[in-house]
Structure formats: C-alpha cells, structure tokens
N, C-alpha and C. Protein backbone atom coordinates (compact mmCIF):
# COMPACT_ATOMS: atom_id res chain seq x y z
N UNK A 1 128.09 95.27 107.64
CA UNK A 1 127.54 93.96 107.47
C UNK A 1 127.02 93.46 108.80
N UNK A 2 125.92 92.74 108.78
CA UNK A 2 125.28 92.27 110.00
C UNK A 2 126.08 91.13 110.61
N UNK A 3 126.23 91.16 111.93
CA UNK A 3 126.98 90.13 112.65
C UNK A 3 126.28 88.78 112.57
N UNK A 4 127.06 87.72 112.59
CA UNK A 4 126.52 86.37 112.49
C UNK A 4 125.59 86.08 113.65
N UNK A 5 124.40 85.66 113.34
CA UNK A 5 123.45 85.25 114.36
C UNK A 5 122.79 86.38 115.13
N UNK A 6 123.16 87.59 114.87
CA UNK A 6 122.58 88.71 115.62
C UNK A 6 121.20 89.04 115.06
N UNK A 7 120.24 89.17 115.96
CA UNK A 7 118.90 89.56 115.54
C UNK A 7 118.89 91.07 115.32
N UNK A 8 117.95 91.51 114.53
CA UNK A 8 117.93 92.89 114.11
C UNK A 8 116.47 93.32 113.98
N UNK A 9 116.06 94.43 114.57
CA UNK A 9 114.66 94.87 114.46
C UNK A 9 114.29 95.21 113.03
N UNK A 10 115.28 95.36 112.17
CA UNK A 10 114.98 95.65 110.77
C UNK A 10 114.65 94.37 110.00
N UNK A 11 115.12 93.21 110.49
CA UNK A 11 114.89 91.94 109.81
C UNK A 11 113.40 91.67 109.70
N UNK A 12 113.00 91.21 108.54
CA UNK A 12 111.62 90.79 108.34
C UNK A 12 110.63 91.92 108.18
N UNK A 13 111.04 93.14 108.27
CA UNK A 13 110.13 94.27 108.09
C UNK A 13 110.17 94.66 106.62
N UNK A 14 109.01 94.98 106.09
CA UNK A 14 108.92 95.30 104.68
C UNK A 14 108.85 96.81 104.50
N UNK A 15 110.01 97.42 104.23
CA UNK A 15 110.07 98.86 103.96
C UNK A 15 110.24 99.12 102.47
N UNK A 16 110.14 98.08 101.69
CA UNK A 16 110.40 98.22 100.27
C UNK A 16 109.29 99.00 99.57
N UNK A 17 109.69 99.82 98.63
CA UNK A 17 108.73 100.47 97.77
C UNK A 17 108.40 99.54 96.63
N UNK A 18 107.39 99.86 95.87
CA UNK A 18 106.98 99.01 94.76
C UNK A 18 107.13 99.80 93.46
N UNK A 19 108.20 99.50 92.71
CA UNK A 19 108.47 100.23 91.48
C UNK A 19 108.35 99.34 90.26
N UNK A 20 107.48 98.38 90.28
CA UNK A 20 107.33 97.49 89.15
C UNK A 20 106.19 97.97 88.28
N UNK A 21 106.16 97.47 87.05
CA UNK A 21 105.10 97.84 86.12
C UNK A 21 103.75 97.36 86.66
N UNK A 22 102.68 97.99 86.18
CA UNK A 22 101.34 97.69 86.69
C UNK A 22 100.98 96.21 86.58
N UNK A 23 101.35 95.56 85.47
CA UNK A 23 101.00 94.15 85.32
C UNK A 23 101.78 93.25 86.27
N UNK A 24 102.86 93.76 86.87
CA UNK A 24 103.62 93.01 87.86
C UNK A 24 103.26 93.44 89.28
N UNK A 25 102.47 94.47 89.39
CA UNK A 25 102.18 95.05 90.70
C UNK A 25 101.53 94.06 91.65
N UNK A 26 100.61 93.27 91.15
CA UNK A 26 99.90 92.33 92.03
C UNK A 26 100.87 91.36 92.68
N UNK A 27 101.90 90.94 91.95
CA UNK A 27 102.89 90.03 92.52
C UNK A 27 103.80 90.76 93.50
N UNK A 28 103.93 92.08 93.35
CA UNK A 28 104.83 92.86 94.20
C UNK A 28 104.24 93.11 95.58
N UNK A 29 102.93 92.99 95.71
CA UNK A 29 102.28 93.28 96.97
C UNK A 29 102.37 92.06 97.87
N UNK A 30 102.83 92.29 99.08
CA UNK A 30 103.02 91.19 100.03
C UNK A 30 101.68 90.65 100.51
N UNK A 31 101.74 89.47 101.08
CA UNK A 31 100.55 88.84 101.66
C UNK A 31 99.97 89.74 102.75
N UNK A 32 100.86 90.34 103.54
CA UNK A 32 100.43 91.24 104.61
C UNK A 32 99.70 92.46 104.05
N UNK A 33 100.23 93.03 102.96
CA UNK A 33 99.58 94.19 102.35
C UNK A 33 98.22 93.82 101.77
N UNK A 34 98.12 92.63 101.16
CA UNK A 34 96.82 92.18 100.64
C UNK A 34 95.81 92.05 101.78
N UNK A 35 96.27 91.54 102.91
CA UNK A 35 95.39 91.40 104.07
C UNK A 35 94.96 92.77 104.56
N UNK A 36 95.89 93.74 104.58
CA UNK A 36 95.55 95.10 104.99
C UNK A 36 94.52 95.72 104.05
N UNK A 37 94.66 95.46 102.76
CA UNK A 37 93.70 95.97 101.78
C UNK A 37 92.32 95.39 102.08
N UNK A 38 92.25 94.10 102.31
CA UNK A 38 90.97 93.43 102.60
C UNK A 38 90.36 93.98 103.89
N UNK A 39 91.19 94.13 104.92
CA UNK A 39 90.69 94.66 106.19
C UNK A 39 90.18 96.08 106.04
N UNK A 40 90.90 96.90 105.28
CA UNK A 40 90.46 98.29 105.07
C UNK A 40 89.13 98.31 104.34
N UNK A 41 88.99 97.47 103.32
CA UNK A 41 87.73 97.43 102.59
C UNK A 41 86.59 97.04 103.53
N UNK A 42 86.82 96.01 104.32
CA UNK A 42 85.78 95.54 105.24
C UNK A 42 85.40 96.61 106.26
N UNK A 43 86.39 97.35 106.76
CA UNK A 43 86.12 98.40 107.74
C UNK A 43 85.31 99.54 107.12
N UNK A 44 85.69 99.95 105.92
CA UNK A 44 85.05 101.13 105.31
C UNK A 44 83.85 100.80 104.44
N UNK A 45 83.57 99.53 104.24
CA UNK A 45 82.31 99.11 103.64
C UNK A 45 81.29 99.12 104.78
N UNK A 46 80.95 100.32 105.20
CA UNK A 46 80.19 100.50 106.44
C UNK A 46 78.82 99.84 106.43
N UNK A 47 78.23 99.69 105.28
CA UNK A 47 76.90 99.08 105.20
C UNK A 47 76.97 97.58 104.92
N UNK A 48 78.19 97.03 104.85
CA UNK A 48 78.43 95.60 104.61
C UNK A 48 77.73 95.10 103.34
N UNK A 49 77.85 95.91 102.29
CA UNK A 49 77.21 95.56 101.02
C UNK A 49 78.18 94.93 100.03
N UNK A 50 79.47 94.92 100.39
CA UNK A 50 80.47 94.45 99.43
C UNK A 50 80.82 95.54 98.42
N UNK A 51 80.37 96.76 98.73
CA UNK A 51 80.62 97.90 97.85
C UNK A 51 81.04 99.10 98.69
N UNK A 52 81.64 100.05 98.00
CA UNK A 52 82.15 101.25 98.64
C UNK A 52 81.74 102.46 97.79
N UNK A 53 81.27 103.52 98.44
CA UNK A 53 80.97 104.73 97.68
C UNK A 53 82.18 105.66 97.66
N UNK A 54 82.01 106.80 97.05
CA UNK A 54 83.09 107.79 96.89
C UNK A 54 83.70 108.17 98.23
N UNK A 55 82.86 108.48 99.21
CA UNK A 55 83.36 108.92 100.52
C UNK A 55 84.13 107.81 101.23
N UNK A 56 83.59 106.60 101.17
CA UNK A 56 84.27 105.46 101.80
C UNK A 56 85.61 105.20 101.12
N UNK A 57 85.65 105.34 99.79
CA UNK A 57 86.90 105.15 99.05
C UNK A 57 87.96 106.14 99.52
N UNK A 58 87.57 107.41 99.59
CA UNK A 58 88.52 108.45 100.01
C UNK A 58 89.08 108.17 101.40
N UNK A 59 88.22 107.85 102.33
CA UNK A 59 88.65 107.59 103.70
C UNK A 59 89.52 106.34 103.77
N UNK A 60 89.15 105.30 103.04
CA UNK A 60 89.91 104.05 103.07
C UNK A 60 91.31 104.23 102.49
N UNK A 61 91.41 104.95 101.37
CA UNK A 61 92.73 105.18 100.76
C UNK A 61 93.61 105.97 101.72
N UNK A 62 93.05 106.99 102.34
CA UNK A 62 93.82 107.78 103.31
C UNK A 62 94.21 106.94 104.52
N UNK A 63 93.31 106.08 104.97
CA UNK A 63 93.61 105.22 106.12
C UNK A 63 94.74 104.25 105.80
N UNK A 64 94.90 103.92 104.53
CA UNK A 64 95.98 103.03 104.10
C UNK A 64 97.30 103.79 103.97
N UNK A 65 97.27 105.11 104.23
CA UNK A 65 98.50 105.90 104.24
C UNK A 65 98.82 106.59 102.94
N UNK A 66 97.84 106.70 102.05
CA UNK A 66 98.06 107.34 100.76
C UNK A 66 97.23 108.61 100.65
N UNK A 67 97.80 109.60 99.99
CA UNK A 67 97.08 110.84 99.74
C UNK A 67 96.09 110.61 98.61
N UNK A 68 94.93 111.23 98.71
CA UNK A 68 93.96 111.21 97.62
C UNK A 68 93.12 112.47 97.73
N UNK A 69 93.04 113.20 96.65
CA UNK A 69 92.25 114.43 96.61
C UNK A 69 90.91 114.13 95.93
N UNK A 70 89.97 115.01 96.14
CA UNK A 70 88.62 114.81 95.62
C UNK A 70 88.59 114.52 94.12
N UNK A 71 89.28 115.31 93.27
CA UNK A 71 89.22 115.02 91.83
C UNK A 71 89.74 113.62 91.48
N UNK A 72 90.78 113.19 92.17
CA UNK A 72 91.33 111.86 91.90
C UNK A 72 90.35 110.78 92.34
N UNK A 73 89.73 110.95 93.49
CA UNK A 73 88.75 109.97 93.97
C UNK A 73 87.56 109.89 93.01
N UNK A 74 87.11 111.04 92.53
CA UNK A 74 86.01 111.05 91.57
C UNK A 74 86.40 110.35 90.27
N UNK A 75 87.63 110.59 89.82
CA UNK A 75 88.12 109.94 88.60
C UNK A 75 88.20 108.43 88.77
N UNK A 76 88.67 107.98 89.93
CA UNK A 76 88.73 106.54 90.20
C UNK A 76 87.34 105.93 90.24
N UNK A 77 86.40 106.61 90.85
CA UNK A 77 85.02 106.11 90.88
C UNK A 77 84.48 105.99 89.46
N UNK A 78 84.74 107.00 88.64
CA UNK A 78 84.26 106.97 87.26
C UNK A 78 84.90 105.81 86.49
N UNK A 79 86.19 105.61 86.70
CA UNK A 79 86.91 104.56 85.98
C UNK A 79 86.47 103.16 86.41
N UNK A 80 86.27 102.95 87.70
CA UNK A 80 86.00 101.61 88.21
C UNK A 80 84.51 101.30 88.40
N UNK A 81 83.67 102.31 88.44
CA UNK A 81 82.22 102.10 88.57
C UNK A 81 81.62 102.05 87.17
N UNK A 82 81.87 100.95 86.48
CA UNK A 82 81.48 100.82 85.07
C UNK A 82 79.97 100.82 84.87
N UNK A 83 79.24 100.38 85.87
CA UNK A 83 77.78 100.33 85.76
C UNK A 83 77.12 101.61 86.28
N UNK A 84 77.95 102.58 86.68
CA UNK A 84 77.48 103.88 87.16
C UNK A 84 76.47 103.76 88.30
N UNK A 85 76.80 102.93 89.28
CA UNK A 85 75.93 102.74 90.44
C UNK A 85 76.29 103.67 91.59
N UNK A 86 77.48 104.28 91.49
CA UNK A 86 77.97 105.11 92.59
C UNK A 86 78.80 104.31 93.59
N UNK A 87 79.09 103.06 93.24
CA UNK A 87 79.85 102.18 94.12
C UNK A 87 80.92 101.42 93.34
N UNK A 88 81.96 100.99 94.08
CA UNK A 88 82.94 100.06 93.53
C UNK A 88 83.01 98.86 94.47
N UNK A 89 83.38 97.70 93.91
CA UNK A 89 83.50 96.49 94.71
C UNK A 89 84.91 96.30 95.22
N UNK A 90 85.10 95.19 95.94
CA UNK A 90 86.40 94.89 96.51
C UNK A 90 87.48 94.77 95.45
N UNK A 91 87.18 94.10 94.34
CA UNK A 91 88.19 93.89 93.30
C UNK A 91 88.73 95.22 92.78
N UNK A 92 87.85 96.19 92.59
CA UNK A 92 88.29 97.51 92.13
C UNK A 92 89.14 98.20 93.19
N UNK A 93 88.70 98.13 94.44
CA UNK A 93 89.47 98.74 95.53
C UNK A 93 90.84 98.09 95.64
N UNK A 94 90.87 96.77 95.54
CA UNK A 94 92.14 96.05 95.62
C UNK A 94 93.08 96.50 94.49
N UNK A 95 92.55 96.62 93.29
CA UNK A 95 93.36 97.06 92.16
C UNK A 95 93.90 98.48 92.38
N UNK A 96 93.06 99.36 92.88
CA UNK A 96 93.48 100.73 93.17
C UNK A 96 94.63 100.73 94.18
N UNK A 97 94.48 99.95 95.24
CA UNK A 97 95.50 99.92 96.29
C UNK A 97 96.78 99.24 95.81
N UNK A 98 96.67 98.20 95.02
CA UNK A 98 97.87 97.54 94.48
C UNK A 98 98.64 98.52 93.62
N UNK A 99 97.93 99.31 92.82
CA UNK A 99 98.61 100.32 92.00
C UNK A 99 99.29 101.37 92.88
N UNK A 100 98.67 101.72 93.99
CA UNK A 100 99.28 102.68 94.92
C UNK A 100 100.58 102.11 95.48
N UNK A 101 100.53 100.86 95.92
CA UNK A 101 101.74 100.23 96.44
C UNK A 101 102.82 100.15 95.37
N UNK A 102 102.42 99.81 94.14
CA UNK A 102 103.39 99.65 93.06
C UNK A 102 104.06 100.98 92.70
N UNK A 103 103.37 102.08 92.92
CA UNK A 103 103.90 103.39 92.54
C UNK A 103 104.79 104.01 93.61
N UNK A 104 104.91 103.35 94.76
CA UNK A 104 105.71 103.93 95.84
C UNK A 104 107.18 103.97 95.48
N UNK A 105 107.83 105.04 95.87
CA UNK A 105 109.27 105.21 95.68
C UNK A 105 109.98 104.60 96.89
N UNK A 106 110.95 103.69 96.65
CA UNK A 106 111.63 103.05 97.78
C UNK A 106 112.29 104.05 98.74
N UNK A 107 112.87 105.11 98.21
CA UNK A 107 113.52 106.08 99.09
C UNK A 107 112.49 106.82 99.95
N UNK A 108 111.31 107.08 99.39
CA UNK A 108 110.26 107.70 100.20
C UNK A 108 109.86 106.78 101.34
N UNK A 109 109.77 105.49 101.04
CA UNK A 109 109.41 104.52 102.07
C UNK A 109 110.47 104.45 103.16
N UNK A 110 111.72 104.48 102.76
CA UNK A 110 112.82 104.44 103.73
C UNK A 110 112.77 105.69 104.60
N UNK A 111 112.55 106.84 103.98
CA UNK A 111 112.48 108.09 104.75
C UNK A 111 111.30 108.09 105.73
N UNK A 112 110.16 107.56 105.29
CA UNK A 112 109.00 107.46 106.19
C UNK A 112 109.32 106.54 107.37
N UNK A 113 109.99 105.43 107.08
CA UNK A 113 110.37 104.50 108.15
C UNK A 113 111.33 105.19 109.11
N UNK A 114 112.28 105.95 108.58
CA UNK A 114 113.23 106.67 109.43
C UNK A 114 112.47 107.64 110.34
N UNK A 115 111.50 108.35 109.78
CA UNK A 115 110.72 109.30 110.57
C UNK A 115 109.95 108.60 111.69
N UNK A 116 109.48 107.38 111.44
CA UNK A 116 108.80 106.62 112.49
C UNK A 116 109.74 106.27 113.63
N UNK A 117 110.99 105.94 113.28
CA UNK A 117 111.99 105.61 114.30
C UNK A 117 112.42 106.88 115.05
N UNK A 118 112.56 107.99 114.32
CA UNK A 118 113.06 109.24 114.88
C UNK A 118 111.90 110.03 115.51
N UNK A 119 111.35 109.48 116.57
CA UNK A 119 110.16 110.04 117.20
C UNK A 119 110.37 111.47 117.70
N UNK A 120 111.56 111.78 118.19
CA UNK A 120 111.80 113.12 118.73
C UNK A 120 112.29 114.11 117.68
N UNK A 121 112.30 113.70 116.42
CA UNK A 121 112.60 114.58 115.26
C UNK A 121 113.95 115.28 115.37
N UNK A 122 114.97 114.53 115.81
CA UNK A 122 116.32 115.09 115.89
C UNK A 122 117.15 114.76 114.66
N UNK A 123 116.58 113.98 113.73
CA UNK A 123 117.34 113.56 112.56
C UNK A 123 118.27 112.40 112.88
N UNK A 124 118.00 111.73 113.99
CA UNK A 124 118.84 110.62 114.45
C UNK A 124 117.96 109.60 115.16
N UNK A 125 118.39 108.34 115.09
CA UNK A 125 117.73 107.29 115.85
C UNK A 125 118.63 106.97 117.03
N UNK A 126 118.14 107.28 118.20
CA UNK A 126 118.91 107.06 119.43
C UNK A 126 118.64 105.66 119.98
N UNK A 127 119.39 105.28 120.98
CA UNK A 127 119.16 104.02 121.69
C UNK A 127 117.72 103.98 122.20
N UNK A 128 117.27 105.09 122.77
CA UNK A 128 115.90 105.17 123.30
C UNK A 128 114.87 104.95 122.20
N UNK A 129 115.08 105.57 121.02
CA UNK A 129 114.18 105.38 119.89
C UNK A 129 114.14 103.91 119.46
N UNK A 130 115.33 103.31 119.36
CA UNK A 130 115.43 101.92 118.91
C UNK A 130 114.76 100.98 119.91
N UNK A 131 114.94 101.26 121.18
CA UNK A 131 114.33 100.43 122.23
C UNK A 131 112.80 100.52 122.14
N UNK A 132 112.28 101.72 121.93
CA UNK A 132 110.83 101.91 121.80
C UNK A 132 110.29 101.13 120.61
N UNK A 133 110.97 101.23 119.46
CA UNK A 133 110.52 100.52 118.25
C UNK A 133 110.55 99.02 118.47
N UNK A 134 111.63 98.53 119.06
CA UNK A 134 111.74 97.08 119.33
C UNK A 134 110.58 96.63 120.21
N UNK A 135 110.26 97.41 121.22
CA UNK A 135 109.16 97.08 122.13
C UNK A 135 107.83 97.09 121.37
N UNK A 136 107.60 98.13 120.54
CA UNK A 136 106.35 98.23 119.78
C UNK A 136 106.20 97.09 118.79
N UNK A 137 107.32 96.60 118.25
CA UNK A 137 107.28 95.49 117.30
C UNK A 137 107.23 94.13 117.99
N UNK A 138 107.27 94.15 119.31
CA UNK A 138 107.21 92.91 120.06
C UNK A 138 108.52 92.14 120.09
N UNK A 139 109.62 92.82 119.75
CA UNK A 139 110.94 92.18 119.77
C UNK A 139 111.47 92.14 121.19
N UNK A 140 111.97 91.01 121.60
CA UNK A 140 112.52 90.84 122.94
C UNK A 140 114.04 90.93 122.85
N UNK A 141 114.55 92.14 122.66
CA UNK A 141 115.98 92.36 122.55
C UNK A 141 116.50 92.99 123.83
N UNK A 142 117.67 92.56 124.25
CA UNK A 142 118.28 93.13 125.45
C UNK A 142 118.87 94.49 125.10
N UNK A 143 119.15 95.28 126.13
CA UNK A 143 119.82 96.56 125.91
C UNK A 143 121.16 96.35 125.22
N UNK A 144 121.84 95.29 125.61
CA UNK A 144 123.14 94.98 125.00
C UNK A 144 123.00 94.71 123.50
N UNK A 145 121.96 93.96 123.12
CA UNK A 145 121.73 93.68 121.70
C UNK A 145 121.40 94.96 120.94
N UNK A 146 120.58 95.81 121.53
CA UNK A 146 120.21 97.07 120.89
C UNK A 146 121.43 97.98 120.74
N UNK A 147 122.24 98.07 121.78
CA UNK A 147 123.46 98.89 121.69
C UNK A 147 124.40 98.32 120.64
N UNK A 148 124.47 97.01 120.56
CA UNK A 148 125.29 96.35 119.54
C UNK A 148 124.84 96.69 118.14
N UNK A 149 123.52 96.77 117.94
CA UNK A 149 123.00 97.15 116.62
C UNK A 149 123.42 98.57 116.27
N UNK A 150 123.29 99.47 117.22
CA UNK A 150 123.69 100.85 116.95
C UNK A 150 125.18 100.90 116.66
N UNK A 151 125.98 100.24 117.48
CA UNK A 151 127.44 100.23 117.27
C UNK A 151 127.80 99.69 115.89
N UNK A 152 127.10 98.64 115.47
CA UNK A 152 127.41 98.00 114.19
C UNK A 152 127.16 98.92 113.00
N UNK A 153 126.10 99.72 113.07
CA UNK A 153 125.71 100.54 111.92
C UNK A 153 126.07 102.02 112.07
N UNK A 154 126.59 102.43 113.21
CA UNK A 154 126.92 103.82 113.50
C UNK A 154 128.29 104.17 112.90
N UNK A 155 128.30 104.48 111.62
CA UNK A 155 129.55 104.73 110.89
C UNK A 155 130.33 105.90 111.47
N UNK A 156 129.64 107.00 111.79
CA UNK A 156 130.35 108.18 112.30
C UNK A 156 130.61 108.10 113.81
N UNK A 157 130.20 107.02 114.42
CA UNK A 157 130.47 106.72 115.84
C UNK A 157 130.04 107.83 116.80
N UNK A 158 128.85 108.39 116.54
CA UNK A 158 128.33 109.42 117.44
C UNK A 158 127.30 108.86 118.42
N UNK A 159 127.07 107.55 118.38
CA UNK A 159 126.14 106.92 119.31
C UNK A 159 124.71 106.82 118.82
N UNK A 160 124.42 107.41 117.67
CA UNK A 160 123.08 107.38 117.08
C UNK A 160 123.17 106.92 115.63
N UNK A 161 122.01 106.63 115.03
CA UNK A 161 121.94 106.28 113.61
C UNK A 161 121.31 107.47 112.89
N UNK A 162 122.07 108.08 111.97
CA UNK A 162 121.50 109.19 111.21
C UNK A 162 120.80 108.63 109.96
N UNK A 163 120.17 109.50 109.19
CA UNK A 163 119.39 109.05 108.03
C UNK A 163 120.26 108.32 107.01
N UNK A 164 121.44 108.84 106.75
CA UNK A 164 122.35 108.20 105.79
C UNK A 164 122.72 106.78 106.25
N UNK A 165 123.00 106.63 107.52
CA UNK A 165 123.33 105.31 108.07
C UNK A 165 122.11 104.38 108.00
N UNK A 166 120.93 104.93 108.25
CA UNK A 166 119.70 104.15 108.18
C UNK A 166 119.46 103.65 106.76
N UNK A 167 119.66 104.52 105.78
CA UNK A 167 119.51 104.12 104.37
C UNK A 167 120.48 102.99 104.05
N UNK A 168 121.69 103.11 104.53
CA UNK A 168 122.70 102.07 104.33
C UNK A 168 122.24 100.74 104.94
N UNK A 169 121.66 100.80 106.13
CA UNK A 169 121.13 99.58 106.78
C UNK A 169 120.07 98.94 105.89
N UNK A 170 119.17 99.75 105.39
CA UNK A 170 118.09 99.22 104.56
C UNK A 170 118.64 98.56 103.30
N UNK A 171 119.65 99.17 102.71
CA UNK A 171 120.26 98.59 101.51
C UNK A 171 121.01 97.31 101.83
N UNK A 172 121.77 97.30 102.91
CA UNK A 172 122.56 96.12 103.29
C UNK A 172 121.68 94.95 103.66
N UNK A 173 120.55 95.23 104.28
CA UNK A 173 119.68 94.14 104.73
C UNK A 173 118.56 93.86 103.73
N UNK A 174 118.63 94.49 102.56
CA UNK A 174 117.65 94.27 101.49
C UNK A 174 116.22 94.51 101.94
N UNK A 175 116.02 95.53 102.74
CA UNK A 175 114.68 95.83 103.23
C UNK A 175 114.03 97.00 102.49
N UNK A 176 114.56 97.40 101.38
CA UNK A 176 113.89 98.45 100.61
C UNK A 176 113.70 97.99 99.20
C-alpha cells in the first residue's frame, strides 16, 4: 500500500488497457489519447487536406504504437472510404484508433510499461532505471523518495522491482 502523502512516479500515468465494448470505446479513451490521435492525423495528413491515404494511414497507426499489416490497412481503407476516393477523413481515423485503444489488453500494456522502465533488459527496475524515468517524466523526486518507492514495493527485498512486483504496483494504484 502506498505511504500517506508520498508521491509516486506511477501516479497519474495511464497504463490501463481498454477492454470495453466498441460502443463504450470512445468513452474509454482519455483526453490525452484523443489529443494524440488528432496530432497524429495532423502530422500524417501531409498535404493538409483533412484526408489520409492508405500509406499515411499505415504510418500513422504504426506511429501511434500499433501494428498494422498491408491487408489490414487495405481492409480499413475499404471499410471507411465509403465514397471510394482513396482517402479517409479524421473521423474515420479517430474511430480506427479508438477501436485500437479499446482492444488493448491491460496486461500487455503493463508489460510494455515495465519494458520501458527496464531499459537495461535485466527483468528488473533498478534505482537507476527509476531515477531516469522520473527525470524523463519531469518528476522532481529526491533520491530518498525514489529509494523509498523501491523499498515500499520491493516484496522480495532484493533492491529492485521485478515484473511481478511492478504488476502488483499497477493493480494497487489502479493504473491498469
């Protein structure tokens, strides 16, 4: 359990997967994710037409961190390009991305987050890893606070946070 008043680099971070039905998916997507979708569309709408072609769609979906293969991209274009212009608009792209977010598995998201923390691929989050993440997130935590976080969640008391302990943190802090 998190100590009273102690700040935590996990607080406020959205590592949650989206496992809701499609009609609930739009509500499941955070304001930040909606902004990322809009920014991605704007970046990959290279001609500033308010539309995206097949190639732009593929690159944008991948840039958002999702896998997409050629047949799937072609199928999405066929499904969302109802007028057969070779383009889709922002609304279609947003719907595609919301569905991607909704289909994410929470455990996959937690594992990906763990991998981001475990930069040296040792299967553990060390003090050094935690300090780097805190710095990258703009958190102003002292070494003492960071060590306290590790001590609090380090069940096996080996000085690091392993994947099992990390999953427990995510569950305890409702971040998945």
